[in-house]
Amino acid sequence: MTTRFRHYKGGIYELVCEATLESDLSTMIVYRAANGSIWCRPREIFFEIIEVDGQKVQRFTPI
């Protein structure tokens, strides 16, 4: 079973795995866009709450 997320701007992404960044041992989220491109960002940024149009929303919401 894959874990899918919707970005607050509307894109759908599949969580591929968590990885460790070699330089500082921080946890990174590796995820795949619908077009097949692979992306990563720090875990705390992937799961952070952001403000959009005056409302607090998750950057990526599980679907």
C-alpha atoms as a PDB file:
ATOM      1  CA  MET A   1       0.000   0.000   0.000  1.00  0.00           C
ATOM      2  CA  THR A   2       1.397   3.395  -0.966  1.00  0.00           C
ATOM      3  CA  THR A   3       0.978   6.555   1.052  1.00  0.00           C
ATOM      4  CA  ARG A   4      -0.251   9.433  -1.071  1.00  0.00           C
ATOM      5  CA  PHE A   5      -0.359  13.103  -0.197  1.00  0.00           C
ATOM      6  CA  ARG A   6      -1.968  16.171  -1.706  1.00  0.00           C
ATOM      7  CA  HIS A   7       0.219  19.285  -1.739  1.00  0.00           C
ATOM      8  CA  TYR A   8      -1.572  22.438  -0.638  1.00  0.00           C
ATOM      9  CA  LYS A   9      -1.274  23.718  -4.235  1.00  0.00           C
ATOM     10  CA  GLY A  10      -3.104  20.597  -5.472  1.00  0.00           C
ATOM     11  CA  GLY A  11      -0.489  18.142  -6.738  1.00  0.00           C
ATOM     12  CA  ILE A  12      -0.640  14.457  -5.748  1.00  0.00           C
ATOM     13  CA  TYR A  13       2.551  12.800  -4.501  1.00  0.00           C
ATOM     14  CA  GLU A  14       3.524   9.320  -3.358  1.00  0.00           C
ATOM     15  CA  LEU A  15       5.809   8.988  -0.353  1.00  0.00           C
ATOM     16  CA  VAL A  16       8.684   6.741  -1.451  1.00  0.00           C
ATOM     17  CA  CYS A  17      10.722   6.524   1.763  1.00  0.00           C
ATOM     18  CA  GLU A  18      12.477   8.359   4.529  1.00  0.00           C
ATOM     19  CA  ALA A  19      16.215   8.840   4.055  1.00  0.00           C
ATOM     20  CA  THR A  20      19.096  10.197   6.122  1.00  0.00           C
ATOM     21  CA  LEU A  21      21.055  13.163   4.812  1.00  0.00           C
ATOM     22  CA  GLU A  22      24.725  12.237   5.126  1.00  0.00           C
ATOM     23  CA  SER A  23      26.044  15.703   5.984  1.00  0.00           C
ATOM     24  CA  ASP A  24      24.034  16.263   9.176  1.00  0.00           C
ATOM     25  CA  LEU A  25      22.025  13.023   9.661  1.00  0.00           C
ATOM     26  CA  SER A  26      18.701  14.858   9.300  1.00  0.00           C
ATOM     27  CA  THR A  27      15.675  12.915   8.088  1.00  0.00           C
ATOM     28  CA  MET A  28      14.547  13.588   4.528  1.00  0.00           C
ATOM     29  CA  ILE A  29      11.274  12.600   2.855  1.00  0.00           C
ATOM     30  CA  VAL A  30      11.669  11.177  -0.644  1.00  0.00           C
ATOM     31  CA  TYR A  31       8.516  11.463  -2.742  1.00  0.00           C
ATOM     32  CA  ARG A  32       7.366  10.959  -6.345  1.00  0.00           C
ATOM     33  CA  ALA A  33       5.204  13.310  -8.378  1.00  0.00           C
ATOM     34  CA  ALA A  34       2.482  12.083 -10.747  1.00  0.00           C
ATOM     35  CA  ASN A  35       4.837  12.695 -13.697  1.00  0.00           C
ATOM     36  CA  GLY A  36       7.426  10.335 -12.155  1.00  0.00           C
ATOM     37  CA  SER A  37       9.912  12.975 -10.993  1.00  0.00           C
ATOM     38  CA  ILE A  38      11.533  12.278  -7.630  1.00  0.00           C
ATOM     39  CA  TRP A  39      11.847  14.972  -4.962  1.00  0.00           C
ATOM     40  CA  CYS A  40      13.066  15.236  -1.387  1.00  0.00           C
ATOM     41  CA  ARG A  41      12.766  17.745   1.406  1.00  0.00           C
ATOM     42  CA  PRO A  42      13.458  17.753   5.136  1.00  0.00           C
ATOM     43  CA  ARG A  43      10.870  15.819   7.145  1.00  0.00           C
ATOM     44  CA  GLU A  44       9.994  18.816   9.325  1.00  0.00           C
ATOM     45  CA  ILE A  45       9.239  20.910   6.227  1.00  0.00           C
ATOM     46  CA  PHE A  46       7.255  18.154   4.485  1.00  0.00           C
ATOM     47  CA  PHE A  47       4.942  17.806   7.501  1.00  0.00           C
ATOM     48  CA  GLU A  48       4.852  21.446   8.618  1.00  0.00           C
ATOM     49  CA  ILE A  49       1.767  23.606   9.018  1.00  0.00           C
ATOM     50  CA  ILE A  50       1.890  26.701   6.824  1.00  0.00           C
ATOM     51  CA  GLU A  51      -0.338  29.735   6.396  1.00  0.00           C
ATOM     52  CA  VAL A  52      -2.152  30.145   3.071  1.00  0.00           C
ATOM     53  CA  ASP A  53      -4.603  33.011   2.540  1.00  0.00           C
ATOM     54  CA  GLY A  54      -4.784  33.554   6.284  1.00  0.00           C
ATOM     55  CA  GLN A  55      -5.547  29.904   7.102  1.00  0.00           C
ATOM     56  CA  LYS A  56      -3.245  27.291   8.615  1.00  0.00           C
ATOM     57  CA  VAL A  57      -2.958  24.175   6.441  1.00  0.00           C
ATOM     58  CA  GLN A  58      -0.643  21.190   6.156  1.00  0.00           C
ATOM     59  CA  ARG A  59       1.906  21.529   3.350  1.00  0.00           C
ATOM     60  CA  PHE A  60       1.123  17.892   2.414  1.00  0.00           C
ATOM     61  CA  THR A  61      -2.145  16.262   3.508  1.00  0.00           C
ATOM     62  CA  PRO A  62      -2.540  12.451   3.502  1.00  0.00           C
ATOM     63  CA  ILE A  63      -5.236  11.176   1.131  1.00  0.00           C
END
